[in-house]
Structures are given as C-alpha cells and as structure tokens.
Amino acid sequence: MTNPESMEEGECWAECLDVAVRIARTAGQLVQEAVKQEKSVSSKSTPTDLVTEADQQVEDLIISTLRERFPSHRFIGEESSAAGEKCVLTDNPTWIIDPIDGTCNFVHSFPMVAVSIGFAVKKELEFGVIYHCFDGTLYTARRGHGAFCNGVRLQVSKEKDMSKALILTEIGAKRDPNTLDIFLGNMKKLLSAPVHGVRIIGSSTLALCHIASGAAEAYYQYGLHCWDIAAAAVIIREAGGCVIDTTGGPLDLMSRRVVAAGSQEIADYVVQQLQPISYGRDDHDP
C-alpha cells in the first residue's frame, strides 16, 4: 500500500479523494439499510435538532476507516462535536464529516438524505464528496479539477435576473418566535423580489448540490455547521458558482452562515435582503 506521507501533495490528495468516494458509498449503503429499520431518536441542542444511533454508527465507520488509512490527519465530525470534541480547523489535513445530513428526513424516510465528506489542508478546502443515500447519486469535486455528478461535469446556472431565480434555504434548529419572525421576514423579502419560488428540502448538502447542478440559482442559511458546508462549497466553486458569507465577504467555514449562488449578481442580491440570525460559531465553546 502506498504511504501517503511520502507522496507528492497533489497525488496524495487525489488518493484521499478516491478513498473518500469509497467510504461515502459504503456509508451510504449503511444508511440505506438503517432507514428501513426501527430508529432510536433523541435530540441535541433543541427538540428539533435530532440524532439517531445510525448517525453515530456511520460517523464511527467513516472516521475509524480514515484514521487507519491516514493516522496523522485530523477529523471534525458532527457527532464527535456534539459529544464535546472541540471543533477547530488547523493547518493540518482535516476531514470534515456529516454522517447523515438530513437526520429529520432520515427519521421520517423522506428521501433527501446524504453522507458528506469534506477535506481541508492549511484551512483551504481541497475536495468534497456527497453521496445521496436514497438514489445513489454521487457528487465529487477537487479544487482546480472540476465538479461532477456520477462522472458528468456540473455547471451552475448563470442566471443573473433575480425574478427568474429559484431559491433554496433551510429553517435551522432555533424556532423561538423572534428567530422565526426573522426567518419568515427574509423569505418574504425574497418572495417579493419577486423570485420564481423558495424551496426547503431538509438537507443542506443536497440543496447546495442543486446549486452546483444548476437546478436552482441560490441558497442561503443561518444555523448550519461546517460539516454541512465543507464538501458542498468545493463542489459549487468547481461548478463555476460562488460561496460567500451572508455579509457578502469571504466564506468563513465556522460562522454557521452561508450564501451560495450560480452568479455573483444573484449572491449579492440575496445578501442585501437578509436580516442576520445569530447562531454563534462552530469553533467557540457553547
């Protein structure tokens, strides 16, 4: 077996991507089986922030397999972070993992569930792999090498007219009256633009993949996590789109907020409409 520590950097990351694809498929098959079984469900930060035994089992599978193959690498995982591990992105090669994105969908067997594996080096996102567990669709991208869906190159929508845009978002875990008022107010502003429509599908990573594929023009959310964004950000950028902060500045992976779009014009318009919702940061202690 090749020793990844002795390889050229680019060659090493290509091999890491190949390993990530294999693990994502294996994890996705585990999710496919788990969705048919009785589920043990509990909540984390709020009653709507769900977790199942399958989330933890899938994350354990992914991290243990990767750690055996790449023992010097670091890991940020959704369930590890929920269990108290610090969520810190260093310069070291780091895997950023969401074992089941769309846990509420998974609990209800609603078919929008994904495994997401991102990879960063020196705090720069290098590649992303997202596997749609219900239909087997595989999204992949590596920085500088393009984005693909089942091997077919992806291209974002180049629509610049907001009145012709389809917008995607997610509600977030906070459902207090003030947060809901801001969330609904943001949606009202966009619907009044007007836009063609707003959609909520319950999986941040798959919604972002729809931006990469050109099926929708923009996505915004407050309250998602670095593991919801990492893999998808590479895929969107390599498909020709932009991924930025809700302030209009560069993406901050730990900020728990994002705007992604096929065109800069659409992204800028969305940014201008949004009233912020505060969720803190992933890299700060709760």
C-alpha atoms as a PDB file:
ATOM      1  CA  MET A   1       0.000   0.000   0.000  1.00  0.00           C
ATOM      2  CA  THR A   2       1.262   3.466  -0.840  1.00  0.00           C
ATOM      3  CA  ASN A   3       2.413   5.544   2.104  1.00  0.00           C
ATOM      4  CA  PRO A   4       0.503   8.847   1.805  1.00  0.00           C
ATOM      5  CA  GLU A   5       3.091  10.667   3.902  1.00  0.00           C
ATOM      6  CA  SER A   6       5.773  10.087   1.238  1.00  0.00           C
ATOM      7  CA  MET A   7       3.717  11.104  -1.801  1.00  0.00           C
ATOM      8  CA  GLU A   8       3.673  14.399  -3.668  1.00  0.00           C
ATOM      9  CA  GLU A   9       0.971  16.628  -2.190  1.00  0.00           C
ATOM     10  CA  GLY A  10      -1.314  16.731  -5.249  1.00  0.00           C
ATOM     11  CA  GLU A  11      -1.016  12.993  -5.771  1.00  0.00           C
ATOM     12  CA  CYS A  12      -1.748  12.422  -2.099  1.00  0.00           C
ATOM     13  CA  TRP A  13      -4.938  14.499  -2.144  1.00  0.00           C
ATOM     14  CA  ALA A  14      -6.108  12.659  -5.267  1.00  0.00           C
ATOM     15  CA  GLU A  15      -5.683   9.371  -3.434  1.00  0.00           C
ATOM     16  CA  CYS A  16      -7.506  10.798  -0.408  1.00  0.00           C
ATOM     17  CA  LEU A  17     -10.400  11.717  -2.705  1.00  0.00           C
ATOM     18  CA  ASP A  18     -10.542   8.165  -4.084  1.00  0.00           C
ATOM     19  CA  VAL A  19     -10.646   6.793  -0.536  1.00  0.00           C
ATOM     20  CA  ALA A  20     -13.387   9.292   0.397  1.00  0.00           C
ATOM     21  CA  VAL A  21     -15.535   8.163  -2.538  1.00  0.00           C
ATOM     22  CA  ARG A  22     -15.295   4.529  -1.500  1.00  0.00           C
ATOM     23  CA  ILE A  23     -16.105   5.309   2.128  1.00  0.00           C
ATOM     24  CA  ALA A  24     -19.042   7.562   1.183  1.00  0.00           C
ATOM     25  CA  ARG A  25     -20.575   4.769  -0.887  1.00  0.00           C
ATOM     26  CA  THR A  26     -20.112   2.257   1.942  1.00  0.00           C
ATOM     27  CA  ALA A  27     -21.564   4.674   4.495  1.00  0.00           C
ATOM     28  CA  GLY A  28     -24.455   5.474   2.163  1.00  0.00           C
ATOM     29  CA  GLN A  29     -25.317   1.789   1.874  1.00  0.00           C
ATOM     30  CA  LEU A  30     -25.350   1.545   5.672  1.00  0.00           C
ATOM     31  CA  VAL A  31     -27.771   4.479   5.781  1.00  0.00           C
ATOM     32  CA  GLN A  32     -29.973   2.820   3.137  1.00  0.00           C
ATOM     33  CA  GLU A  33     -30.278  -0.259   5.350  1.00  0.00           C
ATOM     34  CA  ALA A  34     -30.774   1.742   8.544  1.00  0.00           C
ATOM     35  CA  VAL A  35     -33.670   3.761   7.118  1.00  0.00           C
ATOM     36  CA  LYS A  36     -35.698   0.551   6.799  1.00  0.00           C
ATOM     37  CA  GLN A  37     -35.243  -0.317  10.471  1.00  0.00           C
ATOM     38  CA  GLU A  38     -36.755   0.992  13.678  1.00  0.00           C
ATOM     39  CA  LYS A  39     -34.870   4.121  14.712  1.00  0.00           C
ATOM     40  CA  SER A  40     -33.733   5.251  18.149  1.00  0.00           C
ATOM     41  CA  VAL A  41     -34.146   9.033  18.060  1.00  0.00           C
ATOM     42  CA  SER A  42     -33.042  11.688  20.542  1.00  0.00           C
ATOM     43  CA  SER A  43     -32.365  15.426  20.373  1.00  0.00           C
ATOM     44  CA  LYS A  44     -29.248  17.574  20.813  1.00  0.00           C
ATOM     45  CA  SER A  45     -29.299  21.378  21.106  1.00  0.00           C
ATOM     46  CA  THR A  46     -33.079  21.731  20.606  1.00  0.00           C
ATOM     47  CA  PRO A  47     -36.056  19.347  20.320  1.00  0.00           C
ATOM     48  CA  THR A  48     -35.851  19.740  16.526  1.00  0.00           C
ATOM     49  CA  ASP A  49     -32.080  19.011  16.358  1.00  0.00           C
ATOM     50  CA  LEU A  50     -32.342  15.242  16.007  1.00  0.00           C
ATOM     51  CA  VAL A  51     -29.772  12.476  16.265  1.00  0.00           C
ATOM     52  CA  THR A  52     -30.091   8.717  15.819  1.00  0.00           C
ATOM     53  CA  GLU A  53     -27.902   5.716  16.591  1.00  0.00           C
ATOM     54  CA  ALA A  54     -27.282   5.481  12.864  1.00  0.00           C
ATOM     55  CA  ASP A  55     -25.686   8.958  12.812  1.00  0.00           C
ATOM     56  CA  GLN A  56     -23.170   7.829  15.398  1.00  0.00           C
ATOM     57  CA  GLN A  57     -22.547   4.434  13.787  1.00  0.00           C
ATOM     58  CA  VAL A  58     -21.952   5.934  10.342  1.00  0.00           C
ATOM     59  CA  GLU A  59     -19.592   8.588  11.697  1.00  0.00           C
ATOM     60  CA  ASP A  60     -17.659   5.956  13.634  1.00  0.00           C
ATOM     61  CA  LEU A  61     -17.325   3.887  10.452  1.00  0.00           C
ATOM     62  CA  ILE A  62     -16.076   6.833   8.392  1.00  0.00           C
ATOM     63  CA  ILE A  63     -13.600   8.184  10.948  1.00  0.00           C
ATOM     64  CA  SER A  64     -12.192   4.810  12.016  1.00  0.00           C
ATOM     65  CA  THR A  65     -11.612   3.803   8.387  1.00  0.00           C
ATOM     66  CA  LEU A  66      -9.954   7.117   7.511  1.00  0.00           C
ATOM     67  CA  ARG A  67      -7.865   7.197  10.708  1.00  0.00           C
ATOM     68  CA  GLU A  68      -6.473   3.738   9.965  1.00  0.00           C
ATOM     69  CA  ARG A  69      -5.525   4.864   6.455  1.00  0.00           C
ATOM     70  CA  PHE A  70      -4.327   8.396   7.350  1.00  0.00           C
ATOM     71  CA  PRO A  71      -3.224   8.300  11.016  1.00  0.00           C
ATOM     72  CA  SER A  72      -1.684  11.800  11.024  1.00  0.00           C
ATOM     73  CA  HIS A  73      -4.849  13.535   9.768  1.00  0.00           C
ATOM     74  CA  ARG A  74      -7.361  15.383  11.947  1.00  0.00           C
ATOM     75  CA  PHE A  75     -11.137  14.993  11.996  1.00  0.00           C
ATOM     76  CA  ILE A  76     -14.163  17.201  12.580  1.00  0.00           C
ATOM     77  CA  GLY A  77     -17.381  15.199  12.774  1.00  0.00           C
ATOM     78  CA  GLU A  78     -20.924  16.254  13.596  1.00  0.00           C
ATOM     79  CA  GLU A  79     -21.495  13.626  16.257  1.00  0.00           C
ATOM     80  CA  SER A  80     -17.977  13.934  17.700  1.00  0.00           C
ATOM     81  CA  SER A  81     -18.576  17.662  18.130  1.00  0.00           C
ATOM     82  CA  ALA A  82     -21.980  17.022  19.694  1.00  0.00           C
ATOM     83  CA  ALA A  83     -20.250  14.697  22.166  1.00  0.00           C
ATOM     84  CA  GLY A  84     -17.933  17.501  23.268  1.00  0.00           C
ATOM     85  CA  GLU A  85     -14.894  17.360  20.965  1.00  0.00           C
ATOM     86  CA  LYS A  86     -13.661  20.830  20.067  1.00  0.00           C
ATOM     87  CA  CYS A  87     -14.411  21.932  16.517  1.00  0.00           C
ATOM     88  CA  VAL A  88     -11.104  23.503  15.483  1.00  0.00           C
ATOM     89  CA  LEU A  89      -9.755  23.807  11.943  1.00  0.00           C
ATOM     90  CA  THR A  90      -5.939  23.844  11.887  1.00  0.00           C
ATOM     91  CA  ASP A  91      -3.412  23.804   9.040  1.00  0.00           C
ATOM     92  CA  ASN A  92      -3.202  20.006   9.297  1.00  0.00           C
ATOM     93  CA  PRO A  93      -5.031  17.841   6.735  1.00  0.00           C
ATOM     94  CA  THR A  94      -8.547  17.687   8.164  1.00  0.00           C
ATOM     95  CA  TRP A  95     -11.598  15.621   7.264  1.00  0.00           C
ATOM     96  CA  ILE A  96     -14.940  17.382   7.899  1.00  0.00           C
ATOM     97  CA  ILE A  97     -17.742  14.838   8.112  1.00  0.00           C
ATOM     98  CA  ASP A  98     -21.525  14.830   8.242  1.00  0.00           C
ATOM     99  CA  PRO A  99     -22.514  11.153   8.528  1.00  0.00           C
ATOM    100  CA  ILE A 100     -26.224  11.722   7.862  1.00  0.00           C
ATOM    101  CA  ASP A 101     -27.192  15.142   6.580  1.00  0.00           C
ATOM    102  CA  GLY A 102     -30.951  15.420   6.797  1.00  0.00           C
ATOM    103  CA  THR A 103     -31.443  13.445  10.014  1.00  0.00           C
ATOM    104  CA  CYS A 104     -35.065  14.574  10.337  1.00  0.00           C
ATOM    105  CA  ASN A 105     -35.640  13.379   6.765  1.00  0.00           C
ATOM    106  CA  PHE A 106     -33.933  10.091   7.662  1.00  0.00           C
ATOM    107  CA  VAL A 107     -36.197   9.638  10.699  1.00  0.00           C
ATOM    108  CA  HIS A 108     -39.284  10.090   8.503  1.00  0.00           C
ATOM    109  CA  SER A 109     -37.870   8.187   5.485  1.00  0.00           C
ATOM    110  CA  PHE A 110     -38.175  11.390   3.451  1.00  0.00           C
ATOM    111  CA  PRO A 111     -35.818  10.751   0.535  1.00  0.00           C
ATOM    112  CA  MET A 112     -33.369  13.658   0.874  1.00  0.00           C
ATOM    113  CA  VAL A 113     -30.501  12.275   2.956  1.00  0.00           C
ATOM    114  CA  ALA A 114     -26.774  12.413   2.271  1.00  0.00           C
ATOM    115  CA  VAL A 115     -23.328  11.478   3.524  1.00  0.00           C
ATOM    116  CA  SER A 116     -20.944  14.437   3.256  1.00  0.00           C
ATOM    117  CA  ILE A 117     -17.129  14.285   3.450  1.00  0.00           C
ATOM    118  CA  GLY A 118     -15.040  17.420   3.011  1.00  0.00           C
ATOM    119  CA  PHE A 119     -11.264  17.758   3.208  1.00  0.00           C
ATOM    120  CA  ALA A 120      -9.169  20.815   4.040  1.00  0.00           C
ATOM    121  CA  VAL A 121      -5.421  21.478   4.154  1.00  0.00           C
ATOM    122  CA  LYS A 122      -3.949  24.688   5.609  1.00  0.00           C
ATOM    123  CA  LYS A 123      -7.569  25.770   6.144  1.00  0.00           C
ATOM    124  CA  GLU A 124      -8.172  25.579   2.364  1.00  0.00           C
ATOM    125  CA  LEU A 125     -10.930  23.247   1.162  1.00  0.00           C
ATOM    126  CA  GLU A 126      -9.369  20.737  -1.230  1.00  0.00           C
ATOM    127  CA  PHE A 127     -12.171  18.353  -2.165  1.00  0.00           C
ATOM    128  CA  GLY A 128     -15.679  17.257  -1.327  1.00  0.00           C
ATOM    129  CA  VAL A 129     -17.738  14.095  -1.692  1.00  0.00           C
ATOM    130  CA  ILE A 130     -21.512  13.957  -1.180  1.00  0.00           C
ATOM    131  CA  TYR A 131     -23.487  10.744  -1.595  1.00  0.00           C
ATOM    132  CA  HIS A 132     -27.282  10.857  -1.911  1.00  0.00           C
ATOM    133  CA  CYS A 133     -28.251   7.805   0.137  1.00  0.00           C
ATOM    134  CA  PHE A 134     -31.689   7.173  -1.377  1.00  0.00           C
ATOM    135  CA  ASP A 135     -30.871   7.259  -5.094  1.00  0.00           C
ATOM    136  CA  GLY A 136     -27.112   6.630  -5.132  1.00  0.00           C
ATOM    137  CA  THR A 137     -26.177   9.932  -6.771  1.00  0.00           C
ATOM    138  CA  LEU A 138     -22.523  10.803  -6.140  1.00  0.00           C
ATOM    139  CA  TYR A 139     -21.262  14.396  -6.216  1.00  0.00           C
ATOM    140  CA  THR A 140     -17.500  14.981  -6.218  1.00  0.00           C
ATOM    141  CA  ALA A 141     -15.127  17.882  -6.714  1.00  0.00           C
ATOM    142  CA  ARG A 142     -11.450  18.619  -6.211  1.00  0.00           C
ATOM    143  CA  ARG A 143     -10.017  22.123  -6.166  1.00  0.00           C
ATOM    144  CA  GLY A 144      -8.866  23.031  -9.664  1.00  0.00           C
ATOM    145  CA  HIS A 145     -10.200  19.825 -11.221  1.00  0.00           C
ATOM    146  CA  GLY A 146     -13.927  20.451 -11.724  1.00  0.00           C
ATOM    147  CA  ALA A 147     -17.138  19.149 -10.143  1.00  0.00           C
ATOM    148  CA  PHE A 148     -19.044  16.060 -11.203  1.00  0.00           C
ATOM    149  CA  CYS A 149     -22.293  14.198 -10.615  1.00  0.00           C
ATOM    150  CA  ASN A 150     -21.909  10.477 -11.326  1.00  0.00           C
ATOM    151  CA  GLY A 151     -18.931  11.374 -13.502  1.00  0.00           C
ATOM    152  CA  VAL A 152     -20.740  14.062 -15.532  1.00  0.00           C
ATOM    153  CA  ARG A 153     -19.321  17.583 -15.184  1.00  0.00           C
ATOM    154  CA  LEU A 154     -21.505  20.027 -13.273  1.00  0.00           C
ATOM    155  CA  GLN A 155     -22.265  23.623 -14.279  1.00  0.00           C
ATOM    156  CA  VAL A 156     -24.126  26.175 -12.179  1.00  0.00           C
ATOM    157  CA  SER A 157     -26.948  28.316 -13.520  1.00  0.00           C
ATOM    158  CA  LYS A 158     -25.645  31.586 -14.917  1.00  0.00           C
ATOM    159  CA  GLU A 159     -28.976  33.348 -14.431  1.00  0.00           C
ATOM    160  CA  LYS A 160     -28.424  36.916 -13.194  1.00  0.00           C
ATOM    161  CA  ASP A 161     -32.060  38.074 -13.073  1.00  0.00           C
ATOM    162  CA  MET A 162     -33.482  37.555  -9.592  1.00  0.00           C
ATOM    163  CA  SER A 163     -37.042  37.473 -10.936  1.00  0.00           C
ATOM    164  CA  LYS A 164     -36.155  34.240 -12.742  1.00  0.00           C
ATOM    165  CA  ALA A 165     -34.434  32.576  -9.791  1.00  0.00           C
ATOM    166  CA  LEU A 166     -35.355  29.568  -7.670  1.00  0.00           C
ATOM    167  CA  ILE A 167     -34.025  29.966  -4.122  1.00  0.00           C
ATOM    168  CA  LEU A 168     -33.311  27.227  -1.587  1.00  0.00           C
ATOM    169  CA  THR A 169     -32.975  27.563   2.191  1.00  0.00           C
ATOM    170  CA  GLU A 170     -33.373  25.688   5.489  1.00  0.00           C
ATOM    171  CA  ILE A 171     -35.183  26.709   8.650  1.00  0.00           C
ATOM    172  CA  GLY A 172     -32.482  25.938  11.212  1.00  0.00           C
ATOM    173  CA  ALA A 173     -32.822  24.420  14.667  1.00  0.00           C
ATOM    174  CA  LYS A 174     -33.872  27.583  16.539  1.00  0.00           C
ATOM    175  CA  ARG A 175     -37.658  28.002  16.479  1.00  0.00           C
ATOM    176  CA  ASP A 176     -38.249  30.724  19.078  1.00  0.00           C
ATOM    177  CA  PRO A 177     -40.736  33.426  17.953  1.00  0.00           C
ATOM    178  CA  ASN A 178     -38.095  36.089  17.254  1.00  0.00           C
ATOM    179  CA  THR A 179     -35.937  33.764  15.151  1.00  0.00           C
ATOM    180  CA  LEU A 180     -38.966  32.550  13.201  1.00  0.00           C
ATOM    181  CA  ASP A 181     -40.045  36.142  12.553  1.00  0.00           C
ATOM    182  CA  ILE A 182     -36.628  36.959  11.084  1.00  0.00           C
ATOM    183  CA  PHE A 183     -36.573  33.733   9.052  1.00  0.00           C
ATOM    184  CA  LEU A 184     -40.034  34.380   7.608  1.00  0.00           C
ATOM    185  CA  GLY A 185     -39.175  38.038   7.022  1.00  0.00           C
ATOM    186  CA  ASN A 186     -36.134  37.049   4.975  1.00  0.00           C
ATOM    187  CA  MET A 187     -38.230  34.668   2.935  1.00  0.00           C
ATOM    188  CA  LYS A 188     -40.900  37.335   2.413  1.00  0.00           C
ATOM    189  CA  LYS A 189     -38.298  39.793   1.076  1.00  0.00           C
ATOM    190  CA  LEU A 190     -37.043  37.257  -1.439  1.00  0.00           C
ATOM    191  CA  LEU A 191     -40.530  36.175  -2.495  1.00  0.00           C
ATOM    192  CA  SER A 192     -41.378  39.861  -3.008  1.00  0.00           C
ATOM    193  CA  ALA A 193     -38.382  40.391  -5.307  1.00  0.00           C
ATOM    194  CA  PRO A 194     -40.151  38.509  -6.890  1.00  0.00           C
ATOM    195  CA  VAL A 195     -38.428  35.161  -7.427  1.00  0.00           C
ATOM    196  CA  HIS A 196     -39.860  32.085  -9.113  1.00  0.00           C
ATOM    197  CA  GLY A 197     -40.027  30.319  -5.750  1.00  0.00           C
ATOM    198  CA  VAL A 198     -38.398  29.261  -2.486  1.00  0.00           C
ATOM    199  CA  ARG A 199     -37.825  25.615  -1.569  1.00  0.00           C
ATOM    200  CA  ILE A 200     -36.878  23.817   1.675  1.00  0.00           C
ATOM    201  CA  ILE A 201     -35.762  20.182   1.266  1.00  0.00           C
ATOM    202  CA  GLY A 202     -34.318  19.377   4.695  1.00  0.00           C
ATOM    203  CA  SER A 203     -30.741  18.617   3.623  1.00  0.00           C
ATOM    204  CA  SER A 204     -28.267  21.487   3.395  1.00  0.00           C
ATOM    205  CA  THR A 205     -25.695  19.460   1.494  1.00  0.00           C
ATOM    206  CA  LEU A 206     -28.132  18.235  -1.162  1.00  0.00           C
ATOM    207  CA  ALA A 207     -29.656  21.704  -1.501  1.00  0.00           C
ATOM    208  CA  LEU A 208     -26.160  23.060  -2.146  1.00  0.00           C
ATOM    209  CA  CYS A 209     -25.586  20.300  -4.714  1.00  0.00           C
ATOM    210  CA  HIS A 210     -28.688  21.560  -6.542  1.00  0.00           C
ATOM    211  CA  ILE A 211     -26.949  24.935  -6.834  1.00  0.00           C
ATOM    212  CA  ALA A 212     -23.895  23.195  -8.305  1.00  0.00           C
ATOM    213  CA  SER A 213     -26.044  21.323 -10.817  1.00  0.00           C
ATOM    214  CA  GLY A 214     -27.888  24.457 -11.980  1.00  0.00           C
ATOM    215  CA  ALA A 215     -31.272  23.253 -10.697  1.00  0.00           C
ATOM    216  CA  ALA A 216     -31.591  26.366  -8.511  1.00  0.00           C
ATOM    217  CA  GLU A 217     -29.934  29.760  -8.524  1.00  0.00           C
ATOM    218  CA  ALA A 218     -29.142  30.417  -4.844  1.00  0.00           C
ATOM    219  CA  TYR A 219     -29.091  29.015  -1.333  1.00  0.00           C
ATOM    220  CA  TYR A 220     -28.854  30.803   1.992  1.00  0.00           C
ATOM    221  CA  GLN A 221     -28.959  29.656   5.596  1.00  0.00           C
ATOM    222  CA  TYR A 222     -28.236  30.698   9.152  1.00  0.00           C
ATOM    223  CA  GLY A 223     -27.604  27.878  11.619  1.00  0.00           C
ATOM    224  CA  LEU A 224     -25.867  25.236   9.542  1.00  0.00           C
ATOM    225  CA  HIS A 225     -22.458  23.848  10.519  1.00  0.00           C
ATOM    226  CA  CYS A 226     -19.036  23.490   8.912  1.00  0.00           C
ATOM    227  CA  TRP A 227     -19.815  19.844   8.063  1.00  0.00           C
ATOM    228  CA  ASP A 228     -22.906  20.993   6.143  1.00  0.00           C
ATOM    229  CA  ILE A 229     -20.839  23.376   4.020  1.00  0.00           C
ATOM    230  CA  ALA A 230     -17.331  21.944   3.565  1.00  0.00           C
ATOM    231  CA  ALA A 231     -17.811  19.358   0.823  1.00  0.00           C
ATOM    232  CA  ALA A 232     -20.549  21.300  -0.971  1.00  0.00           C
ATOM    233  CA  ALA A 233     -18.528  24.534  -1.100  1.00  0.00           C
ATOM    234  CA  VAL A 234     -15.843  22.832  -3.200  1.00  0.00           C
ATOM    235  CA  ILE A 235     -18.471  21.296  -5.465  1.00  0.00           C
ATOM    236  CA  ILE A 236     -20.220  24.634  -6.095  1.00  0.00           C
ATOM    237  CA  ARG A 237     -16.993  26.548  -6.705  1.00  0.00           C
ATOM    238  CA  GLU A 238     -15.698  23.908  -9.101  1.00  0.00           C
ATOM    239  CA  ALA A 239     -19.041  24.033 -10.941  1.00  0.00           C
ATOM    240  CA  GLY A 240     -18.491  27.761 -11.511  1.00  0.00           C
ATOM    241  CA  GLY A 241     -20.510  29.209  -8.619  1.00  0.00           C
ATOM    242  CA  CYS A 242     -19.699  31.333  -5.600  1.00  0.00           C
ATOM    243  CA  VAL A 243     -19.942  30.571  -1.885  1.00  0.00           C
ATOM    244  CA  ILE A 244     -19.730  33.569   0.453  1.00  0.00           C
ATOM    245  CA  ASP A 245     -20.628  34.836   3.900  1.00  0.00           C
ATOM    246  CA  THR A 246     -24.067  36.338   4.483  1.00  0.00           C
ATOM    247  CA  THR A 247     -22.295  39.698   4.960  1.00  0.00           C
ATOM    248  CA  GLY A 248     -21.001  39.493   1.390  1.00  0.00           C
ATOM    249  CA  GLY A 249     -17.437  38.752   2.485  1.00  0.00           C
ATOM    250  CA  PRO A 250     -15.442  35.543   2.005  1.00  0.00           C
ATOM    251  CA  LEU A 251     -16.873  32.297   3.342  1.00  0.00           C
ATOM    252  CA  ASP A 252     -15.981  31.658   6.979  1.00  0.00           C
ATOM    253  CA  LEU A 253     -16.400  27.912   7.401  1.00  0.00           C
ATOM    254  CA  MET A 254     -17.011  28.214  11.137  1.00  0.00           C
ATOM    255  CA  SER A 255     -19.510  31.100  11.016  1.00  0.00           C
ATOM    256  CA  ARG A 256     -22.658  28.930  10.687  1.00  0.00           C
ATOM    257  CA  ARG A 257     -23.997  31.032   7.800  1.00  0.00           C
ATOM    258  CA  VAL A 258     -23.680  30.977   4.039  1.00  0.00           C
ATOM    259  CA  VAL A 259     -24.928  32.301   0.731  1.00  0.00           C
ATOM    260  CA  ALA A 260     -24.217  30.217  -2.372  1.00  0.00           C
ATOM    261  CA  ALA A 261     -25.242  31.049  -5.929  1.00  0.00           C
ATOM    262  CA  GLY A 262     -24.556  30.373  -9.548  1.00  0.00           C
ATOM    263  CA  SER A 263     -23.783  34.026 -10.267  1.00  0.00           C
ATOM    264  CA  GLN A 264     -22.255  36.804  -8.202  1.00  0.00           C
ATOM    265  CA  GLU A 265     -25.189  39.065  -9.087  1.00  0.00           C
ATOM    266  CA  ILE A 266     -27.715  36.675  -7.535  1.00  0.00           C
ATOM    267  CA  ALA A 267     -25.492  36.137  -4.474  1.00  0.00           C
ATOM    268  CA  ASP A 268     -25.131  39.886  -3.936  1.00  0.00           C
ATOM    269  CA  TYR A 269     -28.887  40.421  -4.200  1.00  0.00           C
ATOM    270  CA  VAL A 270     -29.615  37.710  -1.626  1.00  0.00           C
ATOM    271  CA  VAL A 271     -27.041  39.182   0.770  1.00  0.00           C
ATOM    272  CA  GLN A 272     -28.709  42.586   0.545  1.00  0.00           C
ATOM    273  CA  GLN A 273     -32.108  41.158   1.556  1.00  0.00           C
ATOM    274  CA  LEU A 274     -31.065  39.175   4.615  1.00  0.00           C
ATOM    275  CA  GLN A 275     -31.539  40.164   8.223  1.00  0.00           C
ATOM    276  CA  PRO A 276     -28.992  38.144  10.238  1.00  0.00           C
ATOM    277  CA  ILE A 277     -29.816  35.388  12.705  1.00  0.00           C
ATOM    278  CA  SER A 278     -27.173  34.735  15.358  1.00  0.00           C
ATOM    279  CA  TYR A 279     -26.136  31.130  15.972  1.00  0.00           C
ATOM    280  CA  GLY A 280     -22.627  31.650  17.351  1.00  0.00           C
ATOM    281  CA  ARG A 281     -19.670  29.838  15.809  1.00  0.00           C
ATOM    282  CA  ASP A 282     -18.634  26.216  15.445  1.00  0.00           C
ATOM    283  CA  ASP A 283     -15.154  26.921  16.816  1.00  0.00           C
ATOM    284  CA  HIS A 284     -16.354  28.633  20.001  1.00  0.00           C
ATOM    285  CA  ASP A 285     -17.272  26.789  23.154  1.00  0.00           C
ATOM    286  CA  PRO A 286     -21.053  26.767  23.725  1.00  0.00           C
END
